[in-house]
Amino acid sequence: KDIAQFAPNFTVYVLPPDQVCFYSEDRKF
């Protein structure tokens, strides 16, 4: 029911065609 947003501690990169990187100062996924 809620509007979704990325957690504000992450900068999110899309690497087409099939990879997403969640990047912060202390964690990268």
PDB file of all heavy atoms in Angstrom:
ATOM      1  N   LYS A   1       0.818  -1.213   0.000  1.00  0.00           N
ATOM      2  CA  LYS A   1       0.000   0.000   0.000  1.00  0.00           C
ATOM      3  C   LYS A   1       0.849   1.258   0.000  1.00  0.00           C
ATOM      4  O   LYS A   1       0.325   2.355  -0.181  1.00  0.00           O
ATOM      5  CB  LYS A   1      -0.911   0.007   1.234  1.00  0.00           C
ATOM      6  CG  LYS A   1      -1.866  -1.169   1.303  1.00  0.00           C
ATOM      7  CD  LYS A   1      -2.679  -1.099   2.581  1.00  0.00           C
ATOM      8  CE  LYS A   1      -3.611  -2.300   2.698  1.00  0.00           C
ATOM      9  NZ  LYS A   1      -4.385  -2.248   3.973  1.00  0.00           N
ATOM     10  N   ASP A   2       2.191   1.117   0.252  1.00  0.00           N
ATOM     11  CA  ASP A   2       3.055   2.268   0.459  1.00  0.00           C
ATOM     12  C   ASP A   2       3.881   2.568  -0.783  1.00  0.00           C
ATOM     13  O   ASP A   2       4.225   1.679  -1.556  1.00  0.00           O
ATOM     14  CB  ASP A   2       3.994   2.010   1.646  1.00  0.00           C
ATOM     15  CG  ASP A   2       3.231   1.649   2.902  1.00  0.00           C
ATOM     16  OD1 ASP A   2       2.192   2.275   3.147  1.00  0.00           O
ATOM     17  OD2 ASP A   2       3.690   0.725   3.617  1.00  0.00           O
ATOM     18  N   ILE A   3       4.215   3.852  -0.934  1.00  0.00           N
ATOM     19  CA  ILE A   3       5.099   4.256  -2.023  1.00  0.00           C
ATOM     20  C   ILE A   3       6.511   3.795  -1.679  1.00  0.00           C
ATOM     21  O   ILE A   3       7.006   4.003  -0.580  1.00  0.00           O
ATOM     22  CB  ILE A   3       5.066   5.776  -2.215  1.00  0.00           C
ATOM     23  CG1 ILE A   3       3.648   6.240  -2.509  1.00  0.00           C
ATOM     24  CG2 ILE A   3       6.018   6.187  -3.337  1.00  0.00           C
ATOM     25  CD1 ILE A   3       3.046   5.617  -3.754  1.00  0.00           C
ATOM     26  N   ALA A   4       7.153   3.165  -2.625  1.00  0.00           N
ATOM     27  CA  ALA A   4       8.495   2.624  -2.401  1.00  0.00           C
ATOM     28  C   ALA A   4       9.556   3.610  -2.863  1.00  0.00           C
ATOM     29  O   ALA A   4       9.386   4.296  -3.879  1.00  0.00           O
ATOM     30  CB  ALA A   4       8.658   1.305  -3.144  1.00  0.00           C
ATOM     31  N   GLN A   5      10.640   3.674  -2.097  1.00  0.00           N
ATOM     32  CA  GLN A   5      11.811   4.429  -2.515  1.00  0.00           C
ATOM     33  C   GLN A   5      13.047   3.667  -2.053  1.00  0.00           C
ATOM     34  O   GLN A   5      12.978   2.817  -1.160  1.00  0.00           O
ATOM     35  CB  GLN A   5      11.814   5.837  -1.934  1.00  0.00           C
ATOM     36  CG  GLN A   5      12.121   5.878  -0.436  1.00  0.00           C
ATOM     37  CD  GLN A   5      12.463   7.268   0.057  1.00  0.00           C
ATOM     38  OE1 GLN A   5      11.687   8.200  -0.141  1.00  0.00           O
ATOM     39  NE2 GLN A   5      13.609   7.390   0.698  1.00  0.00           N
ATOM     40  N   PHE A   6      14.170   3.980  -2.666  1.00  0.00           N
ATOM     41  CA  PHE A   6      15.398   3.353  -2.214  1.00  0.00           C
ATOM     42  C   PHE A   6      15.794   3.911  -0.848  1.00  0.00           C
ATOM     43  O   PHE A   6      15.548   5.080  -0.537  1.00  0.00           O
ATOM     44  CB  PHE A   6      16.526   3.599  -3.210  1.00  0.00           C
ATOM     45  CG  PHE A   6      16.345   2.847  -4.500  1.00  0.00           C
ATOM     46  CD1 PHE A   6      16.175   3.524  -5.701  1.00  0.00           C
ATOM     47  CD2 PHE A   6      16.327   1.458  -4.517  1.00  0.00           C
ATOM     48  CE1 PHE A   6      16.006   2.839  -6.881  1.00  0.00           C
ATOM     49  CE2 PHE A   6      16.160   0.766  -5.697  1.00  0.00           C
ATOM     50  CZ  PHE A   6      15.989   1.454  -6.887  1.00  0.00           C
ATOM     51  N   ALA A   7      16.408   3.054  -0.037  1.00  0.00           N
ATOM     52  CA  ALA A   7      16.914   3.513   1.256  1.00  0.00           C
ATOM     53  C   ALA A   7      17.870   4.676   1.019  1.00  0.00           C
ATOM     54  O   ALA A   7      18.738   4.601   0.135  1.00  0.00           O
ATOM     55  CB  ALA A   7      17.627   2.383   1.982  1.00  0.00           C
ATOM     56  N   PRO A   8      17.715   5.774   1.772  1.00  0.00           N
ATOM     57  CA  PRO A   8      18.460   6.997   1.445  1.00  0.00           C
ATOM     58  C   PRO A   8      19.957   6.912   1.667  1.00  0.00           C
ATOM     59  O   PRO A   8      20.679   7.829   1.278  1.00  0.00           O
ATOM     60  CB  PRO A   8      17.824   8.034   2.376  1.00  0.00           C
ATOM     61  CG  PRO A   8      17.249   7.252   3.504  1.00  0.00           C
ATOM     62  CD  PRO A   8      16.793   5.966   2.899  1.00  0.00           C
ATOM     63  N   ASN A   9      20.452   5.838   2.287  1.00  0.00           N
ATOM     64  CA  ASN A   9      21.898   5.718   2.453  1.00  0.00           C
ATOM     65  C   ASN A   9      22.576   5.144   1.218  1.00  0.00           C
ATOM     66  O   ASN A   9      23.804   5.095   1.151  1.00  0.00           O
ATOM     67  CB  ASN A   9      22.232   4.852   3.672  1.00  0.00           C
ATOM     68  CG  ASN A   9      21.612   3.476   3.612  1.00  0.00           C
ATOM     69  OD1 ASN A   9      20.427   3.358   3.330  1.00  0.00           O
ATOM     70  ND2 ASN A   9      22.379   2.436   3.897  1.00  0.00           N
ATOM     71  N   PHE A  10      21.785   4.711   0.224  1.00  0.00           N
ATOM     72  CA  PHE A  10      22.351   4.112  -0.982  1.00  0.00           C
ATOM     73  C   PHE A  10      22.219   5.039  -2.187  1.00  0.00           C
ATOM     74  O   PHE A  10      21.200   5.704  -2.374  1.00  0.00           O
ATOM     75  CB  PHE A  10      21.642   2.794  -1.325  1.00  0.00           C
ATOM     76  CG  PHE A  10      22.009   1.647  -0.427  1.00  0.00           C
ATOM     77  CD1 PHE A  10      21.064   1.069   0.401  1.00  0.00           C
ATOM     78  CD2 PHE A  10      23.299   1.138  -0.420  1.00  0.00           C
ATOM     79  CE1 PHE A  10      21.393   0.013   1.221  1.00  0.00           C
ATOM     80  CE2 PHE A  10      23.637   0.072   0.402  1.00  0.00           C
ATOM     81  CZ  PHE A  10      22.694  -0.483   1.226  1.00  0.00           C
ATOM     82  N   THR A  11      23.277   5.048  -2.989  1.00  0.00           N
ATOM     83  CA  THR A  11      23.180   5.510  -4.370  1.00  0.00           C
ATOM     84  C   THR A  11      23.053   4.255  -5.218  1.00  0.00           C
ATOM     85  O   THR A  11      23.820   3.301  -5.040  1.00  0.00           O
ATOM     86  CB  THR A  11      24.431   6.300  -4.775  1.00  0.00           C
ATOM     87  OG1 THR A  11      24.530   7.459  -3.944  1.00  0.00           O
ATOM     88  CG2 THR A  11      24.367   6.715  -6.235  1.00  0.00           C
ATOM     89  N   VAL A  12      22.047   4.250  -6.138  1.00  0.00           N
ATOM     90  CA  VAL A  12      21.733   3.021  -6.872  1.00  0.00           C
ATOM     91  C   VAL A  12      22.130   3.187  -8.335  1.00  0.00           C
ATOM     92  O   VAL A  12      21.755   4.170  -8.990  1.00  0.00           O
ATOM     93  CB  VAL A  12      20.240   2.679  -6.748  1.00  0.00           C
ATOM     94  CG1 VAL A  12      19.942   1.362  -7.460  1.00  0.00           C
ATOM     95  CG2 VAL A  12      19.839   2.585  -5.281  1.00  0.00           C
ATOM     96  N   TYR A  13      22.900   2.223  -8.822  1.00  0.00           N
ATOM     97  CA  TYR A  13      23.350   2.217 -10.214  1.00  0.00           C
ATOM     98  C   TYR A  13      22.726   1.017 -10.928  1.00  0.00           C
ATOM     99  O   TYR A  13      22.709  -0.097 -10.391  1.00  0.00           O
ATOM    100  CB  TYR A  13      24.865   2.095 -10.303  1.00  0.00           C
ATOM    101  CG  TYR A  13      25.632   3.258  -9.722  1.00  0.00           C
ATOM    102  CD1 TYR A  13      25.982   3.283  -8.375  1.00  0.00           C
ATOM    103  CD2 TYR A  13      26.023   4.331 -10.522  1.00  0.00           C
ATOM    104  CE1 TYR A  13      26.696   4.346  -7.837  1.00  0.00           C
ATOM    105  CE2 TYR A  13      26.743   5.400  -9.999  1.00  0.00           C
ATOM    106  CZ  TYR A  13      27.076   5.396  -8.651  1.00  0.00           C
ATOM    107  OH  TYR A  13      27.788   6.442  -8.123  1.00  0.00           O
ATOM    108  N   VAL A  14      22.227   1.261 -12.134  1.00  0.00           N
ATOM    109  CA  VAL A  14      21.741   0.191 -12.999  1.00  0.00           C
ATOM    110  C   VAL A  14      22.778  -0.044 -14.091  1.00  0.00           C
ATOM    111  O   VAL A  14      23.201   0.897 -14.779  1.00  0.00           O
ATOM    112  CB  VAL A  14      20.387   0.549 -13.628  1.00  0.00           C
ATOM    113  CG1 VAL A  14      19.968  -0.526 -14.642  1.00  0.00           C
ATOM    114  CG2 VAL A  14      19.327   0.687 -12.550  1.00  0.00           C
ATOM    115  N   LEU A  15      23.215  -1.294 -14.220  1.00  0.00           N
ATOM    116  CA  LEU A  15      24.199  -1.673 -15.235  1.00  0.00           C
ATOM    117  C   LEU A  15      23.507  -2.620 -16.209  1.00  0.00           C
ATOM    118  O   LEU A  15      23.458  -3.842 -15.986  1.00  0.00           O
ATOM    119  CB  LEU A  15      25.408  -2.372 -14.611  1.00  0.00           C
ATOM    120  CG  LEU A  15      26.379  -1.529 -13.767  1.00  0.00           C
ATOM    121  CD1 LEU A  15      25.781  -1.231 -12.392  1.00  0.00           C
ATOM    122  CD2 LEU A  15      27.704  -2.265 -13.611  1.00  0.00           C
ATOM    123  N   PRO A  16      22.863  -2.075 -17.262  1.00  0.00           N
ATOM    124  CA  PRO A  16      22.127  -2.923 -18.215  1.00  0.00           C
ATOM    125  C   PRO A  16      23.061  -3.984 -18.796  1.00  0.00           C
ATOM    126  O   PRO A  16      24.276  -3.750 -18.945  1.00  0.00           O
ATOM    127  CB  PRO A  16      21.659  -1.937 -19.288  1.00  0.00           C
ATOM    128  CG  PRO A  16      21.714  -0.591 -18.625  1.00  0.00           C
ATOM    129  CD  PRO A  16      22.857  -0.662 -17.669  1.00  0.00           C
ATOM    130  N   PRO A  17      22.571  -5.166 -19.094  1.00  0.00           N
ATOM    131  CA  PRO A  17      21.140  -5.478 -19.043  1.00  0.00           C
ATOM    132  C   PRO A  17      20.665  -6.140 -17.750  1.00  0.00           C
ATOM    133  O   PRO A  17      19.468  -6.281 -17.533  1.00  0.00           O
ATOM    134  CB  PRO A  17      21.000  -6.465 -20.199  1.00  0.00           C
ATOM    135  CG  PRO A  17      22.317  -7.215 -20.182  1.00  0.00           C
ATOM    136  CD  PRO A  17      23.352  -6.215 -19.791  1.00  0.00           C
ATOM    137  N   ASP A  18      21.597  -6.555 -16.849  1.00  0.00           N
ATOM    138  CA  ASP A  18      21.116  -7.423 -15.770  1.00  0.00           C
ATOM    139  C   ASP A  18      21.841  -7.240 -14.436  1.00  0.00           C
ATOM    140  O   ASP A  18      21.931  -8.170 -13.645  1.00  0.00           O
ATOM    141  CB  ASP A  18      21.222  -8.886 -16.196  1.00  0.00           C
ATOM    142  CG  ASP A  18      22.649  -9.313 -16.509  1.00  0.00           C
ATOM    143  OD1 ASP A  18      23.547  -8.442 -16.456  1.00  0.00           O
ATOM    144  OD2 ASP A  18      22.865 -10.503 -16.796  1.00  0.00           O
ATOM    145  N   GLN A  19      22.360  -6.042 -14.116  1.00  0.00           N
ATOM    146  CA  GLN A  19      23.038  -5.846 -12.832  1.00  0.00           C
ATOM    147  C   GLN A  19      22.619  -4.524 -12.207  1.00  0.00           C
ATOM    148  O   GLN A  19      22.446  -3.511 -12.896  1.00  0.00           O
ATOM    149  CB  GLN A  19      24.559  -5.867 -13.007  1.00  0.00           C
ATOM    150  CG  GLN A  19      25.111  -7.244 -13.375  1.00  0.00           C
ATOM    151  CD  GLN A  19      26.618  -7.243 -13.489  1.00  0.00           C
ATOM    152  OE1 GLN A  19      27.198  -6.256 -13.928  1.00  0.00           O
ATOM    153  NE2 GLN A  19      27.249  -8.341 -13.090  1.00  0.00           N
ATOM    154  N   VAL A  20      22.472  -4.566 -10.866  1.00  0.00           N
ATOM    155  CA  VAL A  20      22.139  -3.375 -10.081  1.00  0.00           C
ATOM    156  C   VAL A  20      23.135  -3.293  -8.931  1.00  0.00           C
ATOM    157  O   VAL A  20      23.408  -4.302  -8.266  1.00  0.00           O
ATOM    158  CB  VAL A  20      20.701  -3.428  -9.524  1.00  0.00           C
ATOM    159  CG1 VAL A  20      20.409  -2.188  -8.677  1.00  0.00           C
ATOM    160  CG2 VAL A  20      19.693  -3.554 -10.645  1.00  0.00           C
ATOM    161  N   CYS A  21      23.683  -2.108  -8.695  1.00  0.00           N
ATOM    162  CA  CYS A  21      24.630  -1.913  -7.586  1.00  0.00           C
ATOM    163  C   CYS A  21      24.044  -0.939  -6.572  1.00  0.00           C
ATOM    164  O   CYS A  21      23.650   0.180  -6.932  1.00  0.00           O
ATOM    165  CB  CYS A  21      25.953  -1.369  -8.113  1.00  0.00           C
ATOM    166  SG  CYS A  21      27.164  -1.031  -6.799  1.00  0.00           S
ATOM    167  N   PHE A  22      23.987  -1.374  -5.325  1.00  0.00           N
ATOM    168  CA  PHE A  22      23.615  -0.503  -4.202  1.00  0.00           C
ATOM    169  C   PHE A  22      24.919  -0.061  -3.541  1.00  0.00           C
ATOM    170  O   PHE A  22      25.651  -0.880  -2.986  1.00  0.00           O
ATOM    171  CB  PHE A  22      22.728  -1.249  -3.207  1.00  0.00           C
ATOM    172  CG  PHE A  22      21.345  -1.530  -3.732  1.00  0.00           C
ATOM    173  CD1 PHE A  22      21.115  -2.628  -4.551  1.00  0.00           C
ATOM    174  CD2 PHE A  22      20.288  -0.691  -3.431  1.00  0.00           C
ATOM    175  CE1 PHE A  22      19.850  -2.887  -5.046  1.00  0.00           C
ATOM    176  CE2 PHE A  22      19.019  -0.951  -3.926  1.00  0.00           C
ATOM    177  CZ  PHE A  22      18.798  -2.044  -4.738  1.00  0.00           C
ATOM    178  N   TYR A  23      25.199   1.237  -3.624  1.00  0.00           N
ATOM    179  CA  TYR A  23      26.518   1.748  -3.252  1.00  0.00           C
ATOM    180  C   TYR A  23      26.385   2.765  -2.117  1.00  0.00           C
ATOM    181  O   TYR A  23      25.639   3.742  -2.204  1.00  0.00           O
ATOM    182  CB  TYR A  23      27.158   2.435  -4.458  1.00  0.00           C
ATOM    183  CG  TYR A  23      28.595   2.838  -4.263  1.00  0.00           C
ATOM    184  CD1 TYR A  23      29.627   2.023  -4.681  1.00  0.00           C
ATOM    185  CD2 TYR A  23      28.919   4.042  -3.642  1.00  0.00           C
ATOM    186  CE1 TYR A  23      30.957   2.386  -4.501  1.00  0.00           C
ATOM    187  CE2 TYR A  23      30.240   4.417  -3.448  1.00  0.00           C
ATOM    188  CZ  TYR A  23      31.253   3.584  -3.877  1.00  0.00           C
ATOM    189  OH  TYR A  23      32.554   3.945  -3.692  1.00  0.00           O
ATOM    190  N   SER A  24      27.102   2.496  -1.009  1.00  0.00           N
ATOM    191  CA  SER A  24      27.201   3.476   0.078  1.00  0.00           C
ATOM    192  C   SER A  24      28.651   3.537   0.525  1.00  0.00           C
ATOM    193  O   SER A  24      29.487   2.760   0.053  1.00  0.00           O
ATOM    194  CB  SER A  24      26.300   3.106   1.257  1.00  0.00           C
ATOM    195  OG  SER A  24      26.810   1.991   1.960  1.00  0.00           O
ATOM    196  N   GLU A  25      28.960   4.428   1.468  1.00  0.00           N
ATOM    197  CA  GLU A  25      30.344   4.596   1.900  1.00  0.00           C
ATOM    198  C   GLU A  25      30.891   3.360   2.587  1.00  0.00           C
ATOM    199  O   GLU A  25      32.089   3.076   2.525  1.00  0.00           O
ATOM    200  CB  GLU A  25      30.453   5.804   2.834  1.00  0.00           C
ATOM    201  CG  GLU A  25      30.214   7.130   2.140  1.00  0.00           C
ATOM    202  CD  GLU A  25      30.231   8.281   3.114  1.00  0.00           C
ATOM    203  OE1 GLU A  25      29.196   8.515   3.768  1.00  0.00           O
ATOM    204  OE2 GLU A  25      31.283   8.942   3.237  1.00  0.00           O
ATOM    205  N   ASP A  26      30.024   2.616   3.252  1.00  0.00           N
ATOM    206  CA  ASP A  26      30.519   1.472   4.015  1.00  0.00           C
ATOM    207  C   ASP A  26      30.026   0.125   3.496  1.00  0.00           C
ATOM    208  O   ASP A  26      30.520  -0.919   3.916  1.00  0.00           O
ATOM    209  CB  ASP A  26      30.139   1.606   5.492  1.00  0.00           C
ATOM    210  CG  ASP A  26      28.635   1.634   5.694  1.00  0.00           C
ATOM    211  OD1 ASP A  26      27.919   2.130   4.805  1.00  0.00           O
ATOM    212  OD2 ASP A  26      28.176   1.174   6.759  1.00  0.00           O
ATOM    213  N   ARG A  27      29.050   0.134   2.552  1.00  0.00           N
ATOM    214  CA  ARG A  27      28.531  -1.141   2.054  1.00  0.00           C
ATOM    215  C   ARG A  27      28.265  -1.042   0.555  1.00  0.00           C
ATOM    216  O   ARG A  27      27.766  -0.013   0.066  1.00  0.00           O
ATOM    217  CB  ARG A  27      27.251  -1.532   2.792  1.00  0.00           C
ATOM    218  CG  ARG A  27      27.473  -1.899   4.259  1.00  0.00           C
ATOM    219  CD  ARG A  27      26.192  -2.361   4.909  1.00  0.00           C
ATOM    220  NE  ARG A  27      25.231  -1.262   5.023  1.00  0.00           N
ATOM    221  CZ  ARG A  27      23.991  -1.414   5.469  1.00  0.00           C
ATOM    222  NH1 ARG A  27      23.555  -2.616   5.826  1.00  0.00           N
ATOM    223  NH2 ARG A  27      23.180  -0.379   5.560  1.00  0.00           N
ATOM    224  N   LYS A  28      28.567  -2.131  -0.140  1.00  0.00           N
ATOM    225  CA  LYS A  28      28.323  -2.208  -1.578  1.00  0.00           C
ATOM    226  C   LYS A  28      27.732  -3.577  -1.895  1.00  0.00           C
ATOM    227  O   LYS A  28      28.275  -4.599  -1.469  1.00  0.00           O
ATOM    228  CB  LYS A  28      29.621  -2.029  -2.389  1.00  0.00           C
ATOM    229  CG  LYS A  28      30.182  -0.615  -2.388  1.00  0.00           C
ATOM    230  CD  LYS A  28      31.037  -0.336  -1.174  1.00  0.00           C
ATOM    231  CE  LYS A  28      31.605   1.091  -1.198  1.00  0.00           C
ATOM    232  NZ  LYS A  28      32.236   1.432   0.089  1.00  0.00           N
ATOM    233  N   PHE A  29      26.600  -3.592  -2.644  1.00  0.00           N
ATOM    234  CA  PHE A  29      25.935  -4.854  -2.958  1.00  0.00           C
ATOM    235  C   PHE A  29      25.562  -4.876  -4.438  1.00  0.00           C
ATOM    236  O   PHE A  29      25.175  -3.839  -5.011  1.00  0.00           O
ATOM    237  CB  PHE A  29      24.662  -5.034  -2.126  1.00  0.00           C
ATOM    238  CG  PHE A  29      24.900  -5.017  -0.646  1.00  0.00           C
ATOM    239  CD1 PHE A  29      24.632  -3.872   0.091  1.00  0.00           C
ATOM    240  CD2 PHE A  29      25.388  -6.135   0.011  1.00  0.00           C
ATOM    241  CE1 PHE A  29      24.839  -3.847   1.462  1.00  0.00           C
ATOM    242  CE2 PHE A  29      25.606  -6.114   1.376  1.00  0.00           C
ATOM    243  CZ  PHE A  29      25.338  -4.966   2.101  1.00  0.00           C
TER     244      PHE A  29
END
